[in-house]
Amino acid sequence: MNTEINEILAAKSNGKPALISAQARELLNLRRLPAMLNTAQTAVLLGLGEHDIPVLIAAGLLKPLGNPPSNAVKYFGTVEVLEMAGESAALNKIRSTVYQYWRGKNADNAKPRRSHNGHARQGLAK
């Protein structure tokens, strides 16, 4: 909504890739946000990747509206999301949860994989 900043960024871009996606820019420039946000919109308002939202749901930090099945599109209350975005303690907890999840996920991927016979795989033989 800050037109001066938007004009400066637009002038500096000169055809270069945008800092944020067009969908994110469109959402952030709305005069009034919708009452319910989908996963992508929620991620934009919290400054996260869309793939981080399921992590927050699993940790109980973000609760979808209603009681959606696991494979359904999730919606979140805009009021609750904006409250979270306005509290530094909540943002700290969100960021810590996301870091902890990806640290664990990356550590799991770094472990040596086992072959079918239970032995660790070695490098390719020459």
N, C-alpha and C. Protein backbone atom coordinates (compact mmCIF):
# COMPACT_ATOMS: atom_id res chain seq x y z
N MET A 1 0.82 -1.18 0.00
CA MET A 1 0.00 0.00 0.00
C MET A 1 0.87 1.25 0.00
N ASN A 2 2.16 1.11 0.24
CA ASN A 2 3.06 2.24 0.23
C ASN A 2 3.48 2.49 -1.21
N THR A 3 2.81 3.43 -1.86
CA THR A 3 3.04 3.66 -3.29
C THR A 3 4.45 4.15 -3.58
N GLU A 4 5.04 4.94 -2.67
CA GLU A 4 6.39 5.46 -2.92
C GLU A 4 7.39 4.31 -3.03
N ILE A 5 7.32 3.37 -2.12
CA ILE A 5 8.24 2.22 -2.14
C ILE A 5 7.99 1.38 -3.38
N ASN A 6 6.71 1.14 -3.72
CA ASN A 6 6.39 0.36 -4.91
C ASN A 6 6.93 1.02 -6.17
N GLU A 7 6.82 2.35 -6.26
CA GLU A 7 7.34 3.06 -7.43
C GLU A 7 8.86 2.96 -7.50
N ILE A 8 9.53 3.06 -6.37
CA ILE A 8 10.99 2.95 -6.34
C ILE A 8 11.42 1.56 -6.79
N LEU A 9 10.74 0.53 -6.25
CA LEU A 9 11.09 -0.84 -6.64
C LEU A 9 10.81 -1.09 -8.12
N ALA A 10 9.70 -0.56 -8.61
CA ALA A 10 9.37 -0.73 -10.02
C ALA A 10 10.41 -0.03 -10.90
N ALA A 11 10.85 1.14 -10.49
CA ALA A 11 11.84 1.88 -11.28
C ALA A 11 13.19 1.17 -11.27
N LYS A 12 13.55 0.56 -10.16
CA LYS A 12 14.84 -0.12 -10.06
C LYS A 12 14.86 -1.47 -10.77
N SER A 13 13.69 -2.07 -10.98
CA SER A 13 13.67 -3.42 -11.53
C SER A 13 14.15 -3.48 -12.97
N ASN A 14 13.78 -2.52 -13.81
CA ASN A 14 14.22 -2.47 -15.21
C ASN A 14 14.18 -3.83 -15.90
N GLY A 15 13.07 -4.55 -15.73
CA GLY A 15 12.93 -5.84 -16.39
C GLY A 15 13.59 -6.99 -15.66
N LYS A 16 14.21 -6.74 -14.52
CA LYS A 16 14.82 -7.81 -13.74
C LYS A 16 13.73 -8.59 -13.01
N PRO A 17 14.03 -9.80 -12.55
CA PRO A 17 13.02 -10.56 -11.81
C PRO A 17 12.54 -9.79 -10.58
N ALA A 18 11.25 -9.93 -10.27
CA ALA A 18 10.65 -9.23 -9.14
C ALA A 18 11.11 -9.85 -7.83
N LEU A 19 11.09 -9.05 -6.77
CA LEU A 19 11.46 -9.53 -5.45
C LEU A 19 10.42 -10.50 -4.91
N ILE A 20 9.14 -10.28 -5.26
CA ILE A 20 8.08 -11.18 -4.84
C ILE A 20 7.24 -11.53 -6.05
N SER A 21 6.47 -12.60 -5.93
CA SER A 21 5.66 -13.04 -7.06
C SER A 21 4.53 -12.04 -7.31
N ALA A 22 3.97 -12.10 -8.49
CA ALA A 22 2.87 -11.21 -8.84
C ALA A 22 1.66 -11.48 -7.95
N GLN A 23 1.42 -12.75 -7.60
CA GLN A 23 0.29 -13.09 -6.73
C GLN A 23 0.48 -12.50 -5.34
N ALA A 24 1.71 -12.57 -4.83
CA ALA A 24 2.00 -12.01 -3.51
C ALA A 24 1.84 -10.49 -3.54
N ARG A 25 2.32 -9.85 -4.58
CA ARG A 25 2.20 -8.40 -4.71
C ARG A 25 0.73 -8.00 -4.77
N GLU A 26 -0.06 -8.78 -5.53
CA GLU A 26 -1.49 -8.49 -5.65
C GLU A 26 -2.18 -8.59 -4.29
N LEU A 27 -1.87 -9.62 -3.51
CA LEU A 27 -2.46 -9.79 -2.19
C LEU A 27 -2.07 -8.64 -1.27
N LEU A 28 -0.80 -8.29 -1.26
CA LEU A 28 -0.32 -7.25 -0.36
C LEU A 28 -0.83 -5.86 -0.74
N ASN A 29 -1.25 -5.68 -1.98
CA ASN A 29 -1.76 -4.38 -2.42
C ASN A 29 -3.27 -4.25 -2.32
N LEU A 30 -3.96 -5.28 -1.84
CA LEU A 30 -5.41 -5.19 -1.67
C LEU A 30 -5.74 -4.16 -0.61
N ARG A 31 -6.82 -3.42 -0.82
CA ARG A 31 -7.26 -2.45 0.19
C ARG A 31 -7.79 -3.18 1.41
N ARG A 32 -8.45 -4.29 1.19
CA ARG A 32 -9.03 -5.08 2.28
C ARG A 32 -8.73 -6.54 1.98
N LEU A 33 -8.13 -7.22 2.95
CA LEU A 33 -7.82 -8.64 2.78
C LEU A 33 -9.09 -9.46 2.90
N PRO A 34 -9.14 -10.62 2.23
CA PRO A 34 -10.30 -11.49 2.38
C PRO A 34 -10.37 -12.04 3.80
N ALA A 35 -11.54 -12.47 4.22
CA ALA A 35 -11.73 -12.99 5.58
C ALA A 35 -10.98 -14.30 5.80
N MET A 36 -10.86 -15.09 4.72
CA MET A 36 -10.16 -16.37 4.80
C MET A 36 -9.01 -16.36 3.80
N LEU A 37 -7.90 -16.96 4.20
CA LEU A 37 -6.71 -17.03 3.36
C LEU A 37 -6.40 -18.48 3.05
N ASN A 38 -5.97 -18.74 1.82
CA ASN A 38 -5.51 -20.10 1.50
C ASN A 38 -4.06 -20.25 1.95
N THR A 39 -3.49 -21.39 1.70
CA THR A 39 -2.13 -21.67 2.16
C THR A 39 -1.11 -20.70 1.57
N ALA A 40 -1.20 -20.42 0.29
CA ALA A 40 -0.24 -19.52 -0.36
C ALA A 40 -0.34 -18.11 0.21
N GLN A 41 -1.56 -17.62 0.41
CA GLN A 41 -1.75 -16.28 0.95
C GLN A 41 -1.26 -16.18 2.39
N THR A 42 -1.52 -17.24 3.16
CA THR A 42 -1.06 -17.27 4.55
C THR A 42 0.46 -17.23 4.60
N ALA A 43 1.10 -17.99 3.72
CA ALA A 43 2.56 -18.00 3.67
C ALA A 43 3.11 -16.61 3.33
N VAL A 44 2.47 -15.91 2.41
CA VAL A 44 2.92 -14.57 2.03
C VAL A 44 2.84 -13.63 3.22
N LEU A 45 1.72 -13.65 3.94
CA LEU A 45 1.55 -12.72 5.07
C LEU A 45 2.50 -13.03 6.22
N LEU A 46 2.90 -14.29 6.36
CA LEU A 46 3.83 -14.66 7.43
C LEU A 46 5.28 -14.63 6.97
N GLY A 47 5.52 -14.39 5.69
CA GLY A 47 6.89 -14.34 5.18
C GLY A 47 7.53 -15.71 5.11
N LEU A 48 6.73 -16.73 4.82
CA LEU A 48 7.22 -18.10 4.76
C LEU A 48 7.04 -18.67 3.37
N GLY A 49 7.61 -19.83 3.16
CA GLY A 49 7.35 -20.58 1.95
C GLY A 49 6.07 -21.37 2.13
N GLU A 50 5.38 -21.61 1.04
CA GLU A 50 4.12 -22.38 1.11
C GLU A 50 4.35 -23.76 1.73
N HIS A 51 5.55 -24.33 1.52
CA HIS A 51 5.86 -25.65 2.06
C HIS A 51 6.06 -25.64 3.57
N ASP A 52 6.17 -24.45 4.18
CA ASP A 52 6.33 -24.36 5.63
C ASP A 52 5.00 -24.39 6.38
N ILE A 53 3.91 -24.12 5.70
CA ILE A 53 2.60 -24.07 6.36
C ILE A 53 2.21 -25.42 6.96
N PRO A 54 2.36 -26.56 6.25
CA PRO A 54 2.03 -27.84 6.88
C PRO A 54 2.88 -28.13 8.12
N VAL A 55 4.09 -27.62 8.17
CA VAL A 55 4.95 -27.79 9.35
C VAL A 55 4.32 -27.08 10.54
N LEU A 56 3.81 -25.88 10.32
CA LEU A 56 3.18 -25.11 11.39
C LEU A 56 1.87 -25.74 11.84
N ILE A 57 1.13 -26.32 10.90
CA ILE A 57 -0.11 -27.00 11.25
C ILE A 57 0.20 -28.21 12.12
N ALA A 58 1.19 -28.99 11.72
CA ALA A 58 1.56 -30.20 12.47
C ALA A 58 2.05 -29.84 13.87
N ALA A 59 2.71 -28.70 14.01
CA ALA A 59 3.22 -28.26 15.31
C ALA A 59 2.14 -27.61 16.17
N GLY A 60 0.96 -27.38 15.59
CA GLY A 60 -0.13 -26.78 16.33
C GLY A 60 -0.05 -25.26 16.44
N LEU A 61 0.84 -24.65 15.68
CA LEU A 61 0.97 -23.19 15.73
C LEU A 61 -0.03 -22.48 14.82
N LEU A 62 -0.54 -23.20 13.85
CA LEU A 62 -1.48 -22.63 12.89
C LEU A 62 -2.62 -23.61 12.74
N LYS A 63 -3.85 -23.14 12.91
CA LYS A 63 -5.00 -24.03 12.85
C LYS A 63 -5.89 -23.63 11.69
N PRO A 64 -6.16 -24.58 10.77
CA PRO A 64 -7.06 -24.26 9.67
C PRO A 64 -8.50 -24.10 10.17
N LEU A 65 -9.26 -23.33 9.41
CA LEU A 65 -10.66 -23.13 9.76
C LEU A 65 -11.46 -24.41 9.52
N GLY A 66 -12.45 -24.63 10.35
CA GLY A 66 -13.27 -25.83 10.23
C GLY A 66 -12.48 -27.04 10.66
N ASN A 67 -12.84 -28.17 10.13
CA ASN A 67 -12.14 -29.42 10.41
C ASN A 67 -11.87 -30.13 9.09
N PRO A 68 -10.95 -29.58 8.27
CA PRO A 68 -10.76 -30.12 6.93
C PRO A 68 -10.05 -31.47 6.95
N PRO A 69 -10.40 -32.37 6.02
CA PRO A 69 -9.64 -33.61 5.89
C PRO A 69 -8.21 -33.30 5.47
N SER A 70 -7.32 -34.26 5.65
CA SER A 70 -5.90 -34.01 5.39
C SER A 70 -5.61 -33.64 3.94
N ASN A 71 -6.43 -34.12 3.00
CA ASN A 71 -6.16 -33.83 1.59
C ASN A 71 -6.97 -32.64 1.07
N ALA A 72 -7.67 -31.92 1.93
CA ALA A 72 -8.49 -30.78 1.50
C ALA A 72 -7.66 -29.50 1.46
N VAL A 73 -8.14 -28.53 0.71
CA VAL A 73 -7.53 -27.20 0.69
C VAL A 73 -7.80 -26.57 2.05
N LYS A 74 -6.77 -26.03 2.66
CA LYS A 74 -6.89 -25.44 3.99
C LYS A 74 -7.06 -23.93 3.87
N TYR A 75 -7.93 -23.38 4.74
CA TYR A 75 -8.13 -21.94 4.83
C TYR A 75 -7.87 -21.51 6.26
N PHE A 76 -7.40 -20.29 6.41
CA PHE A 76 -7.03 -19.76 7.71
C PHE A 76 -7.68 -18.39 7.90
N GLY A 77 -8.04 -18.08 9.14
CA GLY A 77 -8.65 -16.78 9.43
C GLY A 77 -7.62 -15.67 9.30
N THR A 78 -7.96 -14.67 8.52
CA THR A 78 -7.04 -13.54 8.30
C THR A 78 -6.71 -12.85 9.62
N VAL A 79 -7.69 -12.71 10.49
CA VAL A 79 -7.48 -12.02 11.76
C VAL A 79 -6.41 -12.74 12.57
N GLU A 80 -6.50 -14.07 12.65
CA GLU A 80 -5.52 -14.84 13.43
C GLU A 80 -4.13 -14.76 12.80
N VAL A 81 -4.07 -14.83 11.48
CA VAL A 81 -2.78 -14.77 10.80
C VAL A 81 -2.13 -13.41 11.03
N LEU A 82 -2.91 -12.34 10.93
CA LEU A 82 -2.36 -11.00 11.15
C LEU A 82 -1.94 -10.80 12.60
N GLU A 83 -2.68 -11.40 13.54
CA GLU A 83 -2.27 -11.32 14.95
C GLU A 83 -0.92 -12.01 15.14
N MET A 84 -0.76 -13.17 14.53
CA MET A 84 0.52 -13.88 14.63
C MET A 84 1.63 -13.04 14.02
N ALA A 85 1.36 -12.44 12.88
CA ALA A 85 2.37 -11.65 12.18
C ALA A 85 2.75 -10.40 12.97
N GLY A 86 1.87 -9.95 13.87
CA GLY A 86 2.14 -8.76 14.63
C GLY A 86 2.81 -9.01 15.98
N GLU A 87 2.96 -10.26 16.36
CA GLU A 87 3.57 -10.59 17.65
C GLU A 87 4.96 -11.18 17.43
N SER A 88 5.96 -10.53 17.96
CA SER A 88 7.33 -11.02 17.75
C SER A 88 7.55 -12.37 18.43
N ALA A 89 6.87 -12.62 19.56
CA ALA A 89 7.02 -13.91 20.24
C ALA A 89 6.47 -15.04 19.36
N ALA A 90 5.32 -14.79 18.71
CA ALA A 90 4.73 -15.79 17.82
C ALA A 90 5.62 -16.01 16.60
N LEU A 91 6.16 -14.93 16.05
CA LEU A 91 7.05 -15.06 14.90
C LEU A 91 8.32 -15.82 15.27
N ASN A 92 8.83 -15.58 16.46
CA ASN A 92 10.01 -16.29 16.93
C ASN A 92 9.73 -17.78 17.03
N LYS A 93 8.57 -18.14 17.58
CA LYS A 93 8.20 -19.54 17.72
C LYS A 93 8.01 -20.19 16.34
N ILE A 94 7.39 -19.45 15.42
CA ILE A 94 7.19 -19.97 14.05
C ILE A 94 8.54 -20.24 13.40
N ARG A 95 9.42 -19.26 13.45
CA ARG A 95 10.73 -19.40 12.80
C ARG A 95 11.51 -20.54 13.42
N SER A 96 11.50 -20.65 14.75
CA SER A 96 12.22 -21.73 15.43
C SER A 96 11.67 -23.09 15.02
N THR A 97 10.36 -23.20 14.92
CA THR A 97 9.73 -24.46 14.52
C THR A 97 10.14 -24.85 13.11
N VAL A 98 10.12 -23.88 12.21
CA VAL A 98 10.49 -24.16 10.81
C VAL A 98 11.97 -24.55 10.73
N TYR A 99 12.83 -23.81 11.43
CA TYR A 99 14.26 -24.16 11.42
C TYR A 99 14.49 -25.56 11.96
N GLN A 100 13.84 -25.86 13.07
CA GLN A 100 14.01 -27.17 13.70
C GLN A 100 13.53 -28.29 12.77
N TYR A 101 12.41 -28.09 12.11
CA TYR A 101 11.89 -29.10 11.19
C TYR A 101 12.88 -29.37 10.06
N TRP A 102 13.34 -28.30 9.41
CA TRP A 102 14.23 -28.49 8.26
C TRP A 102 15.61 -28.97 8.68
N ARG A 103 16.06 -28.61 9.86
CA ARG A 103 17.33 -29.13 10.37
C ARG A 103 17.23 -30.65 10.53
N GLY A 104 16.13 -31.11 11.12
CA GLY A 104 15.92 -32.54 11.28
C GLY A 104 15.74 -33.25 9.95
N LYS A 105 15.02 -32.64 9.03
CA LYS A 105 14.79 -33.23 7.71
C LYS A 105 16.12 -33.35 6.96
N ASN A 106 16.94 -32.32 7.02
CA ASN A 106 18.23 -32.35 6.33
C ASN A 106 19.18 -33.34 6.98
N ALA A 107 19.12 -33.49 8.30
CA ALA A 107 19.97 -34.46 9.00
C ALA A 107 19.58 -35.88 8.60
N ASP A 108 18.28 -36.12 8.44
CA ASP A 108 17.82 -37.44 8.00
C ASP A 108 18.33 -37.77 6.61
N ASN A 109 18.36 -36.76 5.74
CA ASN A 109 18.83 -36.98 4.37
C ASN A 109 20.33 -37.18 4.31
N ALA A 110 21.07 -36.71 5.33
CA ALA A 110 22.53 -36.84 5.33
C ALA A 110 22.99 -38.19 5.87
N LYS A 111 22.09 -38.92 6.52
CA LYS A 111 22.47 -40.22 7.07
C LYS A 111 22.75 -41.19 5.93
N PRO A 112 23.73 -42.11 6.14
CA PRO A 112 23.99 -43.09 5.09
C PRO A 112 22.78 -43.99 4.90
N ARG A 113 22.48 -44.25 3.68
CA ARG A 113 21.33 -45.09 3.37
C ARG A 113 21.73 -46.56 3.45
N ARG A 114 20.80 -47.37 3.85
CA ARG A 114 21.03 -48.80 3.97
C ARG A 114 20.55 -49.51 2.72
N SER A 115 21.30 -50.52 2.33
CA SER A 115 20.87 -51.34 1.20
C SER A 115 19.84 -52.34 1.70
N HIS A 116 19.35 -53.15 0.83
CA HIS A 116 18.33 -54.12 1.20
C HIS A 116 18.86 -55.17 2.18
N ASN A 117 20.16 -55.43 2.19
CA ASN A 117 20.70 -56.44 3.10
C ASN A 117 21.10 -55.85 4.45
N GLY A 118 20.81 -54.56 4.69
CA GLY A 118 21.06 -53.96 5.98
C GLY A 118 22.43 -53.32 6.14
N HIS A 119 23.30 -53.38 5.13
CA HIS A 119 24.62 -52.78 5.22
C HIS A 119 24.60 -51.39 4.59
N ALA A 120 25.42 -50.50 5.15
CA ALA A 120 25.51 -49.16 4.60
C ALA A 120 26.08 -49.24 3.20
N ARG A 121 25.54 -48.42 2.32
CA ARG A 121 26.03 -48.41 0.94
C ARG A 121 27.36 -47.71 0.87
N GLN A 122 28.25 -48.22 0.12
CA GLN A 122 29.56 -47.60 -0.10
C GLN A 122 29.52 -46.86 -1.42
N GLY A 123 30.57 -46.10 -1.66
CA GLY A 123 30.70 -45.41 -2.96
C GLY A 123 30.76 -46.43 -4.07
N LEU A 124 30.61 -45.99 -5.28
CA LEU A 124 30.62 -46.89 -6.42
C LEU A 124 32.00 -47.55 -6.56
N ALA A 125 32.01 -48.84 -6.81
CA ALA A 125 33.27 -49.57 -7.01
C ALA A 125 33.81 -49.26 -8.40
N LYS A 126 35.13 -49.22 -8.47
CA LYS A 126 35.75 -48.90 -9.78
C LYS A 126 36.22 -50.15 -10.43
